Every structure is written in structure tokens, then in C-alpha cells.
Amino acid sequence: MNTPTIPSDQEAFIKAISDENRLKLIGVLAEGNASASDLSARTQLHPAQVARHLELLLQASVIVTRQ
């Protein structure tokens, strides 16, 4: 029996949204733009954690940066 494979970009997306803290960040961002310090305050995450999670979300194309 062949196990179906998931393309790496879809796998990265799924992994990115499977973390509770990243889901919290996505929820805040769904309400509108927020700075990293706003995200930290609203999610009770340390700024370094916010930065790490945002980087993973960016890499998986879950979020985009504002120009």
C-alpha cells in the first residue's frame, strides 16, 4: 500500500498552523495589523518567542509582511 505524500510546501503550512501559540498570533493578526510588541502583549508571549513564531509563519507563507 502506497502512503500518499504531502508536498513540502503544504507540509510546512500544516506544521506552521499546528502550534497553539502560532494560532494565537494568527488570531490577533486576523483582527488587523499588529506590531511585534502588540503581539507579545496580546498573546502573553516573550518577544523572542513572537519573533521565532512569526519567522516560521512567514517561511510557510501563512502571513506576509506589510510594505
C-alpha atoms as a PDB file:
ATOM      1  CA  MET A   1       0.000   0.000   0.000  1.00  0.00           C
ATOM      2  CA  ASN A   2       1.387   3.380  -1.004  1.00  0.00           C
ATOM      3  CA  THR A   3       1.195   6.138   1.547  1.00  0.00           C
ATOM      4  CA  PRO A   4       0.230   9.450  -0.057  1.00  0.00           C
ATOM      5  CA  THR A   5       2.876  12.123   0.215  1.00  0.00           C
ATOM      6  CA  ILE A   6       2.209  15.729   1.068  1.00  0.00           C
ATOM      7  CA  PRO A   7       4.125  18.330  -0.933  1.00  0.00           C
ATOM      8  CA  SER A   8       6.726  20.073   1.220  1.00  0.00           C
ATOM      9  CA  ASP A   9       5.058  23.497   0.953  1.00  0.00           C
ATOM     10  CA  GLN A  10       1.775  22.060   2.230  1.00  0.00           C
ATOM     11  CA  GLU A  11       3.609  20.208   4.972  1.00  0.00           C
ATOM     12  CA  ALA A  12       5.321  23.432   6.075  1.00  0.00           C
ATOM     13  CA  PHE A  13       1.954  25.208   6.114  1.00  0.00           C
ATOM     14  CA  ILE A  14       0.318  22.483   8.197  1.00  0.00           C
ATOM     15  CA  LYS A  15       3.215  22.412  10.650  1.00  0.00           C
ATOM     16  CA  ALA A  16       3.120  26.207  10.924  1.00  0.00           C
ATOM     17  CA  ILE A  17      -0.532  26.324  11.904  1.00  0.00           C
ATOM     18  CA  SER A  18      -0.418  23.276  14.167  1.00  0.00           C
ATOM     19  CA  ASP A  19       1.175  25.178  17.053  1.00  0.00           C
ATOM     20  CA  GLU A  20      -1.124  26.746  19.667  1.00  0.00           C
ATOM     21  CA  ASN A  21       0.997  29.882  20.047  1.00  0.00           C
ATOM     22  CA  ARG A  22       1.153  30.450  16.295  1.00  0.00           C
ATOM     23  CA  LEU A  23      -2.624  30.058  16.134  1.00  0.00           C
ATOM     24  CA  LYS A  24      -2.915  32.760  18.799  1.00  0.00           C
ATOM     25  CA  LEU A  25      -0.735  35.054  16.697  1.00  0.00           C
ATOM     26  CA  ILE A  26      -2.780  34.308  13.572  1.00  0.00           C
ATOM     27  CA  GLY A  27      -5.943  35.122  15.502  1.00  0.00           C
ATOM     28  CA  VAL A  28      -4.613  38.507  16.584  1.00  0.00           C
ATOM     29  CA  LEU A  29      -3.376  39.276  13.073  1.00  0.00           C
ATOM     30  CA  ALA A  30      -6.757  38.298  11.622  1.00  0.00           C
ATOM     31  CA  GLU A  31      -8.183  41.278  13.502  1.00  0.00           C
ATOM     32  CA  GLY A  32      -5.758  43.648  11.765  1.00  0.00           C
ATOM     33  CA  ASN A  33      -2.141  44.719  11.599  1.00  0.00           C
ATOM     34  CA  ALA A  34      -0.134  44.500  14.807  1.00  0.00           C
ATOM     35  CA  SER A  35       3.449  45.203  15.766  1.00  0.00           C
ATOM     36  CA  ALA A  36       5.611  42.544  17.356  1.00  0.00           C
ATOM     37  CA  SER A  37       5.294  44.294  20.712  1.00  0.00           C
ATOM     38  CA  ASP A  38       1.492  44.362  20.358  1.00  0.00           C
ATOM     39  CA  LEU A  39       1.510  40.661  19.523  1.00  0.00           C
ATOM     40  CA  SER A  40       3.682  39.942  22.543  1.00  0.00           C
ATOM     41  CA  ALA A  41       1.381  41.855  24.877  1.00  0.00           C
ATOM     42  CA  ARG A  42      -1.831  40.396  23.489  1.00  0.00           C
ATOM     43  CA  THR A  43      -0.638  36.784  23.465  1.00  0.00           C
ATOM     44  CA  GLN A  44       1.463  36.892  26.646  1.00  0.00           C
ATOM     45  CA  LEU A  45       4.430  35.519  24.686  1.00  0.00           C
ATOM     46  CA  HIS A  46       8.000  36.711  25.173  1.00  0.00           C
ATOM     47  CA  PRO A  47       9.117  38.974  22.291  1.00  0.00           C
ATOM     48  CA  ALA A  48      11.753  36.411  21.255  1.00  0.00           C
ATOM     49  CA  GLN A  49       9.042  33.750  21.011  1.00  0.00           C
ATOM     50  CA  VAL A  50       6.883  36.059  18.910  1.00  0.00           C
ATOM     51  CA  ALA A  51       9.800  36.713  16.557  1.00  0.00           C
ATOM     52  CA  ARG A  52      10.514  32.995  16.167  1.00  0.00           C
ATOM     53  CA  HIS A  53       6.882  32.115  15.519  1.00  0.00           C
ATOM     54  CA  LEU A  54       6.446  34.986  13.052  1.00  0.00           C
ATOM     55  CA  GLU A  55       9.510  33.817  11.131  1.00  0.00           C
ATOM     56  CA  LEU A  56       8.067  30.303  10.834  1.00  0.00           C
ATOM     57  CA  LEU A  57       4.708  31.692   9.700  1.00  0.00           C
ATOM     58  CA  LEU A  58       6.446  33.849   7.095  1.00  0.00           C
ATOM     59  CA  GLN A  59       8.521  30.947   5.800  1.00  0.00           C
ATOM     60  CA  ALA A  60       5.373  28.839   5.408  1.00  0.00           C
ATOM     61  CA  SER A  61       3.588  31.734   3.615  1.00  0.00           C
ATOM     62  CA  VAL A  62       0.867  31.826   6.275  1.00  0.00           C
ATOM     63  CA  ILE A  63       1.447  35.559   6.772  1.00  0.00           C
ATOM     64  CA  VAL A  64       3.095  38.286   4.725  1.00  0.00           C
ATOM     65  CA  THR A  65       4.911  41.397   5.815  1.00  0.00           C
ATOM     66  CA  ARG A  66       3.431  44.810   5.269  1.00  0.00           C
ATOM     67  CA  GLN A  67       5.435  47.050   2.966  1.00  0.00           C
END
